[in-house]
C-alpha cells in the first residue's frame, strides 16, 4: 500500500487530473484534454490525453508528470511505452495519462473512442474550481 502525501490524500481523481495537466502544460504539452470517464469505464475515472512534438518531447512530458506526482508520493501503478516515445501510458489508478507523439494520437483517436465522456476544463494552478 502506498503512503500518500498529506497534500494529495483526500484529493479526488479530478484534482489529480488537474495536477497532471498543470505539470504537462508547464512542459509545453499540446492539445491537452481531460476526459471524465466515470460511469463509462470500470478501470479509471479520468483520462488526461496530450501530445508531444517529438518522441523526446513525449518522454519528457511523461517524466515531468511522473515527477510531479512522485514528489507528492503518488507513483504510477504501471508505465508503458516510455522507451519508444510514441504513446506513453501512465496509470495512477483513478487517473490514466496518455502522452502521444502527435501523429500517433490521430491514428488511435482516443477522444473519438470516448466521445461520450465529458471534457473537463483545465483550471489555473492545476486545481479544480
C-alpha atoms as a PDB file:
ATOM      1  CA  UNK A   1       0.000   0.000   0.000  1.00  0.00           C
ATOM      2  CA  UNK A   2       1.312   3.412  -0.954  1.00  0.00           C
ATOM      3  CA  UNK A   3       1.701   6.196   1.544  1.00  0.00           C
ATOM      4  CA  UNK A   4       0.119   9.286   0.091  1.00  0.00           C
ATOM      5  CA  UNK A   5       1.479  12.718   0.923  1.00  0.00           C
ATOM      6  CA  UNK A   6      -0.839  14.958   3.004  1.00  0.00           C
ATOM      7  CA  UNK A   7      -1.257  17.395   0.114  1.00  0.00           C
ATOM      8  CA  UNK A   8      -2.666  14.591  -2.076  1.00  0.00           C
ATOM      9  CA  UNK A   9      -4.561  12.437   0.424  1.00  0.00           C
ATOM     10  CA  UNK A  10      -8.247  13.072   0.102  1.00  0.00           C
ATOM     11  CA  UNK A  11      -7.896  14.632  -3.346  1.00  0.00           C
ATOM     12  CA  UNK A  12     -10.351  13.445  -5.927  1.00  0.00           C
ATOM     13  CA  UNK A  13      -9.386  11.925  -9.241  1.00  0.00           C
ATOM     14  CA  UNK A  14     -10.383  15.187 -10.878  1.00  0.00           C
ATOM     15  CA  UNK A  15      -7.966  17.130  -8.681  1.00  0.00           C
ATOM     16  CA  UNK A  16      -5.172  14.681  -9.511  1.00  0.00           C
ATOM     17  CA  UNK A  17      -6.004  15.051 -13.217  1.00  0.00           C
ATOM     18  CA  UNK A  18      -5.675  18.809 -12.821  1.00  0.00           C
ATOM     19  CA  UNK A  19      -2.247  18.415 -11.183  1.00  0.00           C
ATOM     20  CA  UNK A  20      -1.167  16.177 -14.060  1.00  0.00           C
ATOM     21  CA  UNK A  21      -2.470  18.704 -16.601  1.00  0.00           C
ATOM     22  CA  UNK A  22      -0.642  21.613 -14.991  1.00  0.00           C
ATOM     23  CA  UNK A  23       2.668  19.689 -14.878  1.00  0.00           C
ATOM     24  CA  UNK A  24       2.305  18.736 -18.539  1.00  0.00           C
ATOM     25  CA  UNK A  25       1.343  22.224 -19.663  1.00  0.00           C
ATOM     26  CA  UNK A  26       4.368  23.605 -17.835  1.00  0.00           C
ATOM     27  CA  UNK A  27       6.454  21.408 -20.169  1.00  0.00           C
ATOM     28  CA  UNK A  28       4.592  22.630 -23.276  1.00  0.00           C
ATOM     29  CA  UNK A  29       2.175  19.720 -23.785  1.00  0.00           C
ATOM     30  CA  UNK A  30      -0.021  20.254 -26.838  1.00  0.00           C
ATOM     31  CA  UNK A  31      -3.778  19.685 -27.267  1.00  0.00           C
ATOM     32  CA  UNK A  32      -4.257  18.570 -23.664  1.00  0.00           C
ATOM     33  CA  UNK A  33      -7.710  17.305 -22.731  1.00  0.00           C
ATOM     34  CA  UNK A  34      -9.147  15.779 -19.590  1.00  0.00           C
ATOM     35  CA  UNK A  35     -11.955  13.289 -20.160  1.00  0.00           C
ATOM     36  CA  UNK A  36     -14.336  12.327 -17.359  1.00  0.00           C
ATOM     37  CA  UNK A  37     -14.870   8.604 -17.926  1.00  0.00           C
ATOM     38  CA  UNK A  38     -16.681   7.918 -14.647  1.00  0.00           C
ATOM     39  CA  UNK A  39     -19.622   5.684 -15.437  1.00  0.00           C
ATOM     40  CA  UNK A  40     -18.114   4.795 -18.835  1.00  0.00           C
ATOM     41  CA  UNK A  41     -15.015   2.960 -17.630  1.00  0.00           C
ATOM     42  CA  UNK A  42     -14.504   0.447 -14.863  1.00  0.00           C
ATOM     43  CA  UNK A  43     -10.741   0.994 -14.614  1.00  0.00           C
ATOM     44  CA  UNK A  44     -10.370   4.778 -14.336  1.00  0.00           C
ATOM     45  CA  UNK A  45     -12.305   7.955 -13.585  1.00  0.00           C
ATOM     46  CA  UNK A  46     -10.308  10.389 -15.738  1.00  0.00           C
ATOM     47  CA  UNK A  47      -8.097  10.273 -18.801  1.00  0.00           C
ATOM     48  CA  UNK A  48      -5.573  13.020 -19.382  1.00  0.00           C
ATOM     49  CA  UNK A  49      -4.568  12.999 -23.053  1.00  0.00           C
ATOM     50  CA  UNK A  50      -1.845  15.165 -24.563  1.00  0.00           C
ATOM     51  CA  UNK A  51       0.586  15.345 -27.461  1.00  0.00           C
ATOM     52  CA  UNK A  52       4.279  15.993 -27.801  1.00  0.00           C
ATOM     53  CA  UNK A  53       6.141  17.363 -30.814  1.00  0.00           C
ATOM     54  CA  UNK A  54       8.758  14.592 -30.900  1.00  0.00           C
ATOM     55  CA  UNK A  55       9.444  11.263 -29.251  1.00  0.00           C
ATOM     56  CA  UNK A  56      11.875  13.020 -26.905  1.00  0.00           C
ATOM     57  CA  UNK A  57       9.207  15.596 -26.006  1.00  0.00           C
ATOM     58  CA  UNK A  58       6.741  12.766 -25.307  1.00  0.00           C
ATOM     59  CA  UNK A  59       9.258  11.115 -22.989  1.00  0.00           C
ATOM     60  CA  UNK A  60       9.940  14.439 -21.251  1.00  0.00           C
ATOM     61  CA  UNK A  61       6.229  15.084 -20.714  1.00  0.00           C
ATOM     62  CA  UNK A  62       5.732  11.633 -19.212  1.00  0.00           C
ATOM     63  CA  UNK A  63       8.714  12.094 -16.919  1.00  0.00           C
ATOM     64  CA  UNK A  64       7.501  15.553 -15.832  1.00  0.00           C
ATOM     65  CA  UNK A  65       4.053  14.195 -14.962  1.00  0.00           C
ATOM     66  CA  UNK A  66       5.525  11.267 -13.062  1.00  0.00           C
ATOM     67  CA  UNK A  67       7.938  13.525 -11.202  1.00  0.00           C
ATOM     68  CA  UNK A  68       5.187  15.970 -10.234  1.00  0.00           C
ATOM     69  CA  UNK A  69       3.156  13.194  -8.646  1.00  0.00           C
ATOM     70  CA  UNK A  70       6.158  11.342  -7.233  1.00  0.00           C
ATOM     71  CA  UNK A  71       7.059  14.475  -5.263  1.00  0.00           C
ATOM     72  CA  UNK A  72       3.651  14.096  -3.660  1.00  0.00           C
ATOM     73  CA  UNK A  73       4.261  10.386  -3.010  1.00  0.00           C
ATOM     74  CA  UNK A  74       1.896   9.221  -5.743  1.00  0.00           C
ATOM     75  CA  UNK A  75       3.568   6.719  -8.022  1.00  0.00           C
ATOM     76  CA  UNK A  76       2.405   5.168 -11.239  1.00  0.00           C
ATOM     77  CA  UNK A  77       0.945   1.680 -10.935  1.00  0.00           C
ATOM     78  CA  UNK A  78       2.141   0.982 -14.458  1.00  0.00           C
ATOM     79  CA  UNK A  79       4.105   2.771 -17.162  1.00  0.00           C
ATOM     80  CA  UNK A  80       4.156   1.585 -20.763  1.00  0.00           C
ATOM     81  CA  UNK A  81       5.883   2.898 -23.877  1.00  0.00           C
ATOM     82  CA  UNK A  82       8.400   5.276 -22.295  1.00  0.00           C
ATOM     83  CA  UNK A  83      11.416   3.913 -24.163  1.00  0.00           C
ATOM     84  CA  UNK A  84       9.757   4.238 -27.602  1.00  0.00           C
ATOM     85  CA  UNK A  85       8.144   7.639 -27.021  1.00  0.00           C
ATOM     86  CA  UNK A  86       5.205   7.186 -29.412  1.00  0.00           C
ATOM     87  CA  UNK A  87       2.487   6.509 -26.838  1.00  0.00           C
ATOM     88  CA  UNK A  88       3.305   6.570 -23.140  1.00  0.00           C
ATOM     89  CA  UNK A  89       0.652   5.361 -20.738  1.00  0.00           C
ATOM     90  CA  UNK A  90       0.889   6.221 -17.032  1.00  0.00           C
ATOM     91  CA  UNK A  91      -1.629   4.564 -14.725  1.00  0.00           C
ATOM     92  CA  UNK A  92      -2.396   6.332 -11.428  1.00  0.00           C
ATOM     93  CA  UNK A  93      -5.484   4.246 -10.592  1.00  0.00           C
ATOM     94  CA  UNK A  94      -8.253   6.863 -10.890  1.00  0.00           C
ATOM     95  CA  UNK A  95      -6.305   8.849 -13.499  1.00  0.00           C
ATOM     96  CA  UNK A  96      -4.795   7.346 -16.644  1.00  0.00           C
ATOM     97  CA  UNK A  97      -2.412   9.601 -18.566  1.00  0.00           C
ATOM     98  CA  UNK A  98      -1.859   9.151 -22.307  1.00  0.00           C
ATOM     99  CA  UNK A  99       1.092  11.030 -23.811  1.00  0.00           C
ATOM    100  CA  UNK A 100       1.170  10.693 -27.597  1.00  0.00           C
ATOM    101  CA  UNK A 101       3.521  11.651 -30.366  1.00  0.00           C
ATOM    102  CA  UNK A 102       1.155  13.876 -32.356  1.00  0.00           C
ATOM    103  CA  UNK A 103       0.937  11.596 -35.419  1.00  0.00           C
ATOM    104  CA  UNK A 104       0.257   8.535 -33.268  1.00  0.00           C
ATOM    105  CA  UNK A 105      -2.536  10.314 -31.395  1.00  0.00           C
ATOM    106  CA  UNK A 106      -4.541  10.863 -34.564  1.00  0.00           C
ATOM    107  CA  UNK A 107      -4.257   7.198 -35.506  1.00  0.00           C
ATOM    108  CA  UNK A 108      -5.637   5.889 -32.192  1.00  0.00           C
ATOM    109  CA  UNK A 109      -8.200   8.718 -31.726  1.00  0.00           C
ATOM    110  CA  UNK A 110      -8.966   8.096 -28.048  1.00  0.00           C
ATOM    111  CA  UNK A 111     -11.156  11.196 -27.942  1.00  0.00           C
ATOM    112  CA  UNK A 112     -13.290   9.642 -30.682  1.00  0.00           C
ATOM    113  CA  UNK A 113     -13.472   6.290 -28.900  1.00  0.00           C
ATOM    114  CA  UNK A 114     -14.551   8.029 -25.683  1.00  0.00           C
ATOM    115  CA  UNK A 115     -16.740  10.656 -27.388  1.00  0.00           C
ATOM    116  CA  UNK A 116     -19.442  10.250 -24.715  1.00  0.00           C
ATOM    117  CA  UNK A 117     -17.037  11.364 -21.985  1.00  0.00           C
ATOM    118  CA  UNK A 118     -17.420  14.987 -20.884  1.00  0.00           C
ATOM    119  CA  UNK A 119     -14.345  17.172 -21.230  1.00  0.00           C
ATOM    120  CA  UNK A 120     -13.074  18.878 -18.089  1.00  0.00           C
ATOM    121  CA  UNK A 121     -11.556  22.325 -18.378  1.00  0.00           C
ATOM    122  CA  UNK A 122      -8.005  22.681 -17.098  1.00  0.00           C
ATOM    123  CA  UNK A 123      -8.131  25.044 -14.137  1.00  0.00           C
ATOM    124  CA  UNK A 124      -5.482  27.682 -13.481  1.00  0.00           C
ATOM    125  CA  UNK A 125      -2.986  26.441 -10.927  1.00  0.00           C
ATOM    126  CA  UNK A 126      -3.915  22.801 -11.552  1.00  0.00           C
ATOM    127  CA  UNK A 127      -6.764  22.672  -9.056  1.00  0.00           C
ATOM    128  CA  UNK A 128     -10.385  22.176  -9.956  1.00  0.00           C
ATOM    129  CA  UNK A 129     -12.576  25.183  -9.146  1.00  0.00           C
END
